[in-house]
Amino acid sequence: MESKGAGWSLAGLSVTWAATRLVVLLYVLRVLVLPGADVTSDVSVTYRGWYEVLRTGTFPLDDVTWQYPPAAALAILSPAALPFLTYTHAFFVLAVLADLAVLGLLLYAGRRPGRSLRGALVWVVGAPLLGPTLYARYDVMVTAVAVAALLAGAGRPRVMGALAGFGAMLKVWPALLLVGCVRRRAWGAAAATAAGLAALFSVTMPGPFAFLTFQRDRGTEVESLGALVFHVARHFGWQGKVLLNYGSIEFLGPYVGVVSTASLTLTVVCFAWLLLWRMRATNADRFEPHTLAEAAFTAVLMFTVTSRVISPQYMVWLVGLAAVCLCFPAGRMGVPTLLVLAATAVTVWEFPTNFTHVMASDWYGTGLLFLRNALLVAASVTAARRLWRSTVLPSPLPALPSQSSPSTETPVSP
């Protein structure tokens, strides 16, 4: 009876995945069309333009929209593996395969003893909530690497480290997967992989780290937490502008630098909290099999919320990491996961469906952003609180000084 139930669960997840992904494909192929911007233009125009430059053996040194680590070139060049398709269609096929790889990893992990298929369910239901953005960015490929790294973490630390290092060279954030890792072999493998890739690209292609300058000069993107200040301020006479800048729609004008600095300060505060947690949790020695995934999920949540940019595709990372957390029945990330899923559903309503309202900073667009970002803040705070409580022992109270009994005291002679 138990096997049959598991079989039906597996069949149901597979059918649901196929049905939801067919709908997503119909959207990216423009058979179905969502209102708002065409999200597939990033593949057909931006990625294709980078592809033409990268295939000549150099990075897009003069393109400020190229803001990715050097291994991102592999994702952009990957459609060349399917020369019988157009670049755009080949990219979508590879994105589907990456999505399927995530599902396969979660199903394999969920069917092991002491694990759960809830993680696979989160991915099957949560990822398509983002709509066509799921397949119109290379983030699903990075997420597949991150999921594989976390699932390998408990038993194969070197594999986990190598995948985390490779993921970091794809899009930086997978470096945060190591936050909860206590095995030095994983850190060593990550450093060796990242250093090896950096050296390889430095020797073979000019300009592998030009993206660092472009990232440094970015402003406050209109969907970020800090951007809410300017969305409201525009209703009270703020004279700034909303312009395409460094590849995203950003606020430019008075006090934008102040808000961007505040965002970076919050990121530093989050880093300090994670460092404190790591010190306290290591001393408490309460790491469990799910701690690695929960620490990574919490760290990525924190850095996403405090970033100067919260692009819609960032939700793919969070759904993938949440799914890994829920592979462990003893984990405590159920509520943060539900908050992330809700934020993902609001995100597709904000972009692309109502992005014109967001750019106009009208109350409808501002309200959607406030709701999405509030859900992410709540998820971050809840995840951090649960991670701390599950891994850090409370500080012991100081012992009270012992008091002598009056009956045992020696009387003093007058």
Protein backbone atom coordinates (compact mmCIF):
# COMPACT_ATOMS: atom_id res chain seq x y z
CA MET A 1 0.00 0.00 0.00
CA GLU A 2 2.81 2.40 0.84
CA SER A 3 4.62 1.68 -2.44
CA LYS A 4 1.45 2.20 -4.41
CA GLY A 5 0.85 5.51 -2.73
CA ALA A 6 4.40 6.59 -3.51
CA GLY A 7 3.91 5.44 -7.12
CA TRP A 8 0.75 7.47 -7.51
CA SER A 9 2.52 10.47 -6.02
CA LEU A 10 5.35 10.08 -8.50
CA ALA A 11 2.93 9.74 -11.40
CA GLY A 12 0.92 12.74 -10.26
CA LEU A 13 4.01 14.91 -9.96
CA SER A 14 5.22 13.86 -13.40
CA VAL A 15 1.89 14.57 -15.08
CA THR A 16 1.54 17.91 -13.30
CA TRP A 17 5.07 18.89 -14.32
CA ALA A 18 4.36 18.02 -17.96
CA ALA A 19 1.06 19.93 -18.01
CA THR A 20 2.39 23.08 -16.35
CA ARG A 21 5.55 23.16 -18.45
CA LEU A 22 3.53 22.80 -21.64
CA VAL A 23 1.69 25.97 -20.67
CA VAL A 24 4.97 27.77 -19.95
CA LEU A 25 6.32 26.67 -23.33
CA LEU A 26 3.21 27.96 -25.08
CA TYR A 27 3.89 31.34 -23.49
CA VAL A 28 7.57 31.52 -24.40
CA LEU A 29 6.76 30.41 -27.95
CA ARG A 30 4.17 33.21 -28.08
CA VAL A 31 1.29 30.83 -28.80
CA LEU A 32 -0.23 32.22 -25.61
CA VAL A 33 0.55 35.81 -24.75
CA LEU A 34 0.57 37.49 -21.37
CA PRO A 35 -0.20 41.22 -21.24
CA GLY A 36 2.82 43.46 -20.87
CA ALA A 37 6.42 43.19 -22.05
CA ASP A 38 7.72 40.33 -24.16
CA VAL A 39 10.02 38.54 -21.72
CA THR A 40 11.51 36.35 -24.46
CA SER A 41 13.35 39.31 -26.01
CA ASP A 42 16.18 38.76 -23.54
CA VAL A 43 16.90 35.46 -25.30
CA SER A 44 16.18 36.45 -28.91
CA VAL A 45 17.93 39.83 -28.72
CA THR A 46 20.22 40.21 -25.68
CA TYR A 47 21.48 36.64 -25.29
CA ARG A 48 21.76 36.20 -29.06
CA GLY A 49 23.85 39.37 -29.28
CA TRP A 50 26.18 38.15 -26.54
CA TYR A 51 26.38 34.79 -28.29
CA GLU A 52 27.66 36.40 -31.46
CA VAL A 53 30.38 38.20 -29.50
CA LEU A 54 31.35 35.26 -27.29
CA ARG A 55 31.77 32.90 -30.21
CA THR A 56 34.56 35.16 -31.50
CA GLY A 57 36.58 34.36 -28.36
CA THR A 58 36.04 37.48 -26.27
CA PHE A 59 33.61 38.74 -23.65
CA PRO A 60 31.26 41.67 -24.44
CA LEU A 61 33.75 44.23 -23.11
CA ASP A 62 31.83 47.26 -24.41
CA ASP A 63 28.38 46.11 -23.32
CA VAL A 64 27.45 47.30 -19.81
CA THR A 65 24.51 44.89 -19.75
CA TRP A 66 26.98 41.99 -19.48
CA GLN A 67 27.11 41.67 -15.70
CA TYR A 68 27.81 38.00 -15.14
CA PRO A 69 30.81 35.91 -14.07
CA PRO A 70 32.85 34.31 -16.87
CA ALA A 71 31.23 30.85 -16.78
CA ALA A 72 27.94 32.47 -17.77
CA ALA A 73 29.42 32.37 -21.26
CA LEU A 74 28.82 28.61 -21.22
CA ALA A 75 25.10 29.12 -20.68
CA ILE A 76 24.89 31.75 -23.42
CA LEU A 77 26.86 29.57 -25.85
CA SER A 78 25.00 26.35 -24.96
CA PRO A 79 22.38 26.61 -27.77
CA ALA A 80 25.23 25.88 -30.19
CA ALA A 81 24.87 22.26 -29.01
CA LEU A 82 21.57 22.14 -30.94
CA PRO A 83 22.56 23.58 -34.33
CA PHE A 84 19.43 22.22 -36.03
CA LEU A 85 17.31 24.72 -34.05
CA THR A 86 17.26 28.49 -34.01
CA TYR A 87 19.16 30.08 -31.13
CA THR A 88 15.96 31.01 -29.29
CA HIS A 89 14.29 27.62 -29.66
CA ALA A 90 17.49 25.80 -28.69
CA PHE A 91 17.76 27.92 -25.55
CA PHE A 92 14.17 27.07 -24.57
CA VAL A 93 14.84 23.36 -25.08
CA LEU A 94 17.89 23.52 -22.83
CA ALA A 95 15.92 25.45 -20.21
CA VAL A 96 13.27 22.72 -20.21
CA LEU A 97 15.99 20.09 -19.78
CA ALA A 98 17.44 22.02 -16.84
CA ASP A 99 13.96 22.22 -15.30
CA LEU A 100 13.53 18.47 -15.82
CA ALA A 101 16.94 17.85 -14.22
CA VAL A 102 15.80 19.73 -11.09
CA LEU A 103 12.67 17.60 -10.96
CA GLY A 104 14.68 14.40 -11.38
CA LEU A 105 17.08 15.36 -8.59
CA LEU A 106 14.24 16.20 -6.22
CA LEU A 107 12.33 13.00 -7.03
CA TYR A 108 15.47 10.92 -6.47
CA ALA A 109 16.16 12.66 -3.17
CA GLY A 110 12.52 12.55 -2.06
CA ARG A 111 12.19 8.78 -2.50
CA ARG A 112 15.18 7.97 -0.32
CA PRO A 113 14.56 6.71 3.23
CA GLY A 114 13.71 9.51 5.64
CA ARG A 115 13.05 12.02 2.86
CA SER A 116 9.91 13.53 1.37
CA LEU A 117 8.46 14.26 -2.07
CA ARG A 118 7.23 17.63 -0.80
CA GLY A 119 10.35 19.19 -2.29
CA ALA A 120 9.48 17.93 -5.76
CA LEU A 121 5.93 19.21 -5.26
CA VAL A 122 7.22 22.69 -4.41
CA TRP A 123 9.25 22.76 -7.62
CA VAL A 124 6.47 21.34 -9.81
CA VAL A 125 3.90 23.84 -8.54
CA GLY A 126 6.11 26.81 -7.67
CA ALA A 127 8.41 27.28 -10.66
CA PRO A 128 5.67 27.76 -13.30
CA LEU A 129 4.10 30.48 -11.14
CA LEU A 130 6.76 32.73 -12.64
CA GLY A 131 5.28 32.25 -16.10
CA PRO A 132 7.44 32.59 -19.25
CA THR A 133 10.32 34.13 -17.27
CA LEU A 134 11.12 30.59 -16.08
CA TYR A 135 12.43 29.61 -19.53
CA ALA A 136 13.38 33.06 -20.81
CA ARG A 137 16.42 33.44 -18.52
CA TYR A 138 19.37 31.16 -17.84
CA ASP A 139 18.65 31.16 -14.08
CA VAL A 140 16.89 27.79 -14.26
CA MET A 141 20.21 26.30 -15.43
CA VAL A 142 22.05 27.85 -12.47
CA THR A 143 19.32 26.60 -10.13
CA ALA A 144 19.81 23.05 -11.42
CA VAL A 145 23.51 23.27 -10.48
CA ALA A 146 22.63 24.67 -7.04
CA VAL A 147 20.04 21.96 -6.32
CA ALA A 148 22.51 19.26 -7.32
CA ALA A 149 25.14 20.82 -5.04
CA LEU A 150 22.89 20.92 -1.98
CA LEU A 151 21.60 17.38 -2.46
CA ALA A 152 25.20 16.15 -2.78
CA GLY A 153 26.29 18.12 0.27
CA ALA A 154 25.58 15.62 3.04
CA GLY A 155 27.43 12.63 1.60
CA ARG A 156 29.76 14.04 -1.05
CA PRO A 157 31.30 17.27 0.18
CA ARG A 158 33.86 17.51 -2.63
CA VAL A 159 31.14 17.18 -5.27
CA MET A 160 29.06 19.74 -3.43
CA GLY A 161 31.99 22.16 -3.28
CA ALA A 162 32.87 21.71 -6.95
CA LEU A 163 29.28 22.36 -8.00
CA ALA A 164 29.00 25.39 -5.72
CA GLY A 165 32.23 26.80 -7.15
CA PHE A 166 31.02 26.21 -10.69
CA GLY A 167 27.65 27.78 -9.85
CA ALA A 168 29.38 30.83 -8.38
CA MET A 169 31.22 31.31 -11.66
CA LEU A 170 27.86 31.10 -13.45
CA LYS A 171 26.01 33.69 -11.38
CA VAL A 172 27.79 34.40 -8.05
CA TRP A 173 24.91 33.59 -5.67
CA PRO A 174 25.60 29.79 -5.47
CA ALA A 175 28.66 30.70 -3.39
CA LEU A 176 26.14 31.21 -0.58
CA LEU A 177 25.41 27.47 -0.62
CA LEU A 178 28.56 27.06 1.47
CA VAL A 179 27.28 29.16 4.37
CA GLY A 180 26.14 26.14 6.34
CA CYS A 181 28.88 23.77 5.17
CA VAL A 182 31.18 22.56 7.95
CA ARG A 183 33.41 20.29 5.88
CA ARG A 184 36.67 21.80 4.71
CA ARG A 185 36.77 19.47 1.71
CA ALA A 186 33.73 21.23 0.27
CA TRP A 187 35.29 24.67 0.71
CA GLY A 188 38.55 23.48 -0.82
CA ALA A 189 36.79 21.95 -3.82
CA ALA A 190 34.76 25.13 -4.33
CA ALA A 191 37.86 27.34 -4.21
CA ALA A 192 39.79 25.06 -6.54
CA THR A 193 36.94 24.90 -9.07
CA ALA A 194 36.34 28.65 -9.07
CA ALA A 195 40.06 29.43 -9.29
CA GLY A 196 40.54 26.91 -12.10
CA LEU A 197 37.69 28.34 -14.15
CA ALA A 198 38.87 31.90 -13.52
CA ALA A 199 42.36 31.01 -14.70
CA LEU A 200 41.03 29.17 -17.74
CA PHE A 201 38.86 32.07 -18.90
CA SER A 202 41.61 34.61 -18.14
CA VAL A 203 43.99 32.76 -20.43
CA THR A 204 41.57 31.94 -23.24
CA MET A 205 39.21 34.97 -23.45
CA PRO A 206 39.88 38.69 -22.88
CA GLY A 207 37.83 40.53 -20.24
CA PRO A 208 36.37 37.78 -18.05
CA PHE A 209 35.98 40.11 -15.05
CA ALA A 210 34.80 43.28 -16.75
CA PHE A 211 31.40 42.54 -15.26
CA LEU A 212 32.62 43.65 -11.83
CA THR A 213 32.83 47.27 -12.94
CA PHE A 214 29.41 47.15 -14.55
CA GLN A 215 27.88 45.66 -11.37
CA ARG A 216 29.51 48.31 -9.20
CA ASP A 217 27.97 51.15 -11.16
CA ARG A 218 24.39 49.90 -11.05
CA GLY A 219 21.71 52.00 -9.37
CA THR A 220 18.43 51.12 -7.64
CA GLU A 221 16.28 48.90 -9.83
CA VAL A 222 12.54 49.70 -9.81
CA GLU A 223 11.51 46.33 -8.33
CA SER A 224 13.90 46.35 -5.38
CA LEU A 225 13.02 46.96 -1.77
CA GLY A 226 14.78 50.33 -1.75
CA ALA A 227 12.89 51.41 -4.87
CA LEU A 228 9.67 51.60 -2.85
CA VAL A 229 11.02 54.84 -1.37
CA PHE A 230 11.07 56.47 -4.81
CA HIS A 231 7.79 54.95 -5.98
CA VAL A 232 6.11 56.72 -3.06
CA ALA A 233 8.27 59.84 -3.35
CA ARG A 234 7.15 60.39 -6.96
CA HIS A 235 3.66 61.08 -5.63
CA PHE A 236 5.09 63.88 -3.51
CA GLY A 237 7.16 65.70 -6.11
CA TRP A 238 10.41 63.74 -6.29
CA GLN A 239 12.08 64.82 -9.54
CA GLY A 240 13.98 61.68 -10.48
CA LYS A 241 13.52 59.54 -13.58
CA VAL A 242 12.90 55.93 -14.52
CA LEU A 243 15.31 54.87 -17.27
CA LEU A 244 16.91 51.81 -18.80
CA ASN A 245 20.33 51.77 -17.16
CA TYR A 246 22.91 48.96 -17.09
CA GLY A 247 20.43 46.52 -18.56
CA SER A 248 17.53 47.11 -16.16
CA ILE A 249 14.91 49.75 -15.41
CA GLU A 250 16.34 51.90 -12.63
CA PHE A 251 15.65 55.08 -10.72
CA LEU A 252 18.04 57.93 -11.44
CA GLY A 253 18.01 61.22 -9.59
CA PRO A 254 18.35 62.82 -6.13
CA TYR A 255 19.06 60.49 -3.20
CA VAL A 256 19.29 57.35 -5.35
CA GLY A 257 22.91 56.96 -4.24
CA VAL A 258 21.84 57.19 -0.60
CA VAL A 259 19.27 54.42 -1.00
CA SER A 260 21.72 52.24 -2.94
CA THR A 261 24.26 52.68 -0.13
CA ALA A 262 21.60 51.79 2.43
CA SER A 263 20.85 48.59 0.48
CA LEU A 264 24.53 47.65 0.49
CA THR A 265 24.68 48.40 4.22
CA LEU A 266 21.77 46.04 4.83
CA THR A 267 23.59 43.37 2.83
CA VAL A 268 26.63 43.82 5.08
CA VAL A 269 24.39 43.53 8.15
CA CYS A 270 22.98 40.27 6.77
CA PHE A 271 26.49 38.99 6.18
CA ALA A 272 27.40 39.86 9.77
CA TRP A 273 24.31 38.02 11.04
CA LEU A 274 25.21 34.95 9.01
CA LEU A 275 28.77 35.07 10.36
CA LEU A 276 27.45 35.32 13.92
CA TRP A 277 25.03 32.46 13.27
CA ARG A 278 27.81 30.31 11.88
CA MET A 279 30.02 30.93 14.91
CA ARG A 280 27.23 30.23 17.38
CA ALA A 281 25.83 27.24 15.50
CA THR A 282 29.25 25.65 15.10
CA ASN A 283 29.84 25.96 18.83
CA ALA A 284 26.40 24.52 19.56
CA ASP A 285 27.13 21.49 17.33
CA ARG A 286 23.46 21.11 16.35
CA PHE A 287 23.81 20.73 12.57
CA GLU A 288 21.37 18.24 11.08
CA PRO A 289 21.10 16.89 7.50
CA HIS A 290 18.69 19.66 6.52
CA THR A 291 20.74 22.49 8.06
CA LEU A 292 22.93 22.89 4.98
CA ALA A 293 19.93 23.52 2.70
CA GLU A 294 18.14 25.74 5.21
CA ALA A 295 21.22 27.91 5.74
CA ALA A 296 21.64 28.32 1.97
CA PHE A 297 17.95 29.18 1.53
CA THR A 298 18.10 31.75 4.33
CA ALA A 299 21.30 33.33 3.03
CA VAL A 300 20.03 33.67 -0.54
CA LEU A 301 16.74 35.10 0.75
CA MET A 302 18.58 37.72 2.79
CA PHE A 303 20.88 38.78 -0.03
CA THR A 304 18.00 38.87 -2.51
CA VAL A 305 15.85 41.10 -0.32
CA THR A 306 18.65 43.57 0.41
CA SER A 307 19.95 43.71 -3.16
CA ARG A 308 19.73 46.87 -5.26
CA VAL A 309 18.10 44.67 -7.89
CA ILE A 310 15.30 42.12 -7.44
CA SER A 311 14.70 40.82 -10.93
CA PRO A 312 11.76 38.43 -11.46
CA GLN A 313 14.04 35.50 -12.34
CA TYR A 314 15.56 35.62 -8.86
CA MET A 315 12.44 33.82 -7.69
CA VAL A 316 13.60 30.71 -9.58
CA TRP A 317 16.56 30.43 -7.20
CA LEU A 318 14.39 30.76 -4.13
CA VAL A 319 11.83 28.18 -5.28
CA GLY A 320 14.61 25.72 -6.08
CA LEU A 321 16.32 26.13 -2.70
CA ALA A 322 12.99 25.96 -0.86
CA ALA A 323 12.26 22.71 -2.68
CA VAL A 324 15.52 21.19 -1.41
CA CYS A 325 14.63 22.25 2.14
CA LEU A 326 11.28 20.47 1.96
CA CYS A 327 12.92 17.21 0.89
CA PHE A 328 13.69 16.84 4.61
CA PRO A 329 10.59 16.12 6.74
CA ALA A 330 12.37 17.37 9.87
CA GLY A 331 13.08 20.77 8.32
CA ARG A 332 11.49 24.01 9.50
CA MET A 333 11.17 26.03 6.30
CA GLY A 334 7.52 25.29 5.53
CA VAL A 335 6.20 28.78 6.27
CA PRO A 336 9.05 30.63 4.48
CA THR A 337 8.45 28.36 1.49
CA LEU A 338 4.76 29.27 1.35
CA LEU A 339 5.71 32.95 1.55
CA VAL A 340 8.16 32.54 -1.33
CA LEU A 341 5.52 30.76 -3.43
CA ALA A 342 3.08 33.59 -2.75
CA ALA A 343 5.75 36.14 -3.70
CA THR A 344 6.40 34.23 -6.93
CA ALA A 345 2.71 34.35 -7.84
CA VAL A 346 2.63 38.10 -7.21
CA THR A 347 5.83 38.55 -9.24
CA VAL A 348 4.30 37.32 -12.50
CA TRP A 349 1.42 39.70 -11.91
CA GLU A 350 3.90 42.53 -11.40
CA PHE A 351 6.17 41.51 -14.31
CA PRO A 352 5.39 41.30 -17.12
CA THR A 353 1.63 41.67 -16.71
CA ASN A 354 1.49 45.06 -15.00
CA PHE A 355 5.01 46.37 -15.42
CA THR A 356 3.75 49.59 -17.02
CA HIS A 357 2.03 50.36 -13.72
CA VAL A 358 5.28 49.68 -11.87
CA MET A 359 7.27 52.00 -14.14
CA ALA A 360 4.61 54.68 -13.74
CA SER A 361 4.77 54.30 -9.93
CA ASP A 362 0.98 54.48 -9.72
CA TRP A 363 -0.62 53.16 -6.59
CA TYR A 364 -1.58 49.87 -8.24
CA GLY A 365 1.95 49.10 -9.40
CA THR A 366 3.44 50.31 -6.12
CA GLY A 367 0.96 48.16 -4.20
CA LEU A 368 1.96 45.04 -6.14
CA LEU A 369 5.63 45.71 -5.46
CA PHE A 370 4.97 46.39 -1.79
CA LEU A 371 3.08 43.09 -1.48
CA ARG A 372 5.77 41.05 -3.27
CA ASN A 373 8.63 42.60 -1.33
CA ALA A 374 6.77 42.38 1.99
CA LEU A 375 6.30 38.64 1.39
CA LEU A 376 10.03 38.27 0.71
CA VAL A 377 10.96 40.25 3.83
CA ALA A 378 8.60 38.10 5.90
CA ALA A 379 10.10 34.95 4.39
CA SER A 380 13.64 36.17 5.18
CA VAL A 381 12.87 37.07 8.79
CA THR A 382 10.96 33.85 9.40
CA ALA A 383 13.66 31.69 7.82
CA ALA A 384 16.42 33.42 9.79
CA ARG A 385 14.52 33.04 13.04
CA ARG A 386 13.82 29.35 12.47
CA LEU A 387 17.40 28.64 11.41
CA TRP A 388 18.73 30.30 14.55
CA ARG A 389 16.31 28.53 16.88
CA SER A 390 16.98 25.12 15.37
CA THR A 391 20.78 25.34 15.50
CA VAL A 392 21.84 27.74 18.25
CA LEU A 393 21.52 26.77 21.88
CA PRO A 394 20.23 29.49 24.22
CA SER A 395 22.91 31.10 26.33
CA PRO A 396 23.01 29.49 29.77
CA LEU A 397 21.89 31.65 32.66
CA PRO A 398 24.64 32.53 35.18
CA ALA A 399 24.61 30.33 38.26
CA LEU A 400 23.26 31.96 41.42
CA PRO A 401 25.70 32.15 44.32
CA SER A 402 25.03 29.49 46.95
CA GLN A 403 23.67 30.69 50.29
CA SER A 404 24.59 29.14 53.60
CA SER A 405 21.82 27.86 55.83
CA PRO A 406 21.35 29.94 58.99
CA SER A 407 21.39 26.77 61.10
CA THR A 408 24.93 25.91 60.00
CA GLU A 409 26.45 29.31 60.66
CA THR A 410 28.90 29.57 63.57
CA PRO A 411 27.71 32.11 66.14
CA VAL A 412 30.07 34.96 66.84
CA SER A 413 31.00 35.46 70.48
CA PRO A 414 30.38 38.90 71.90
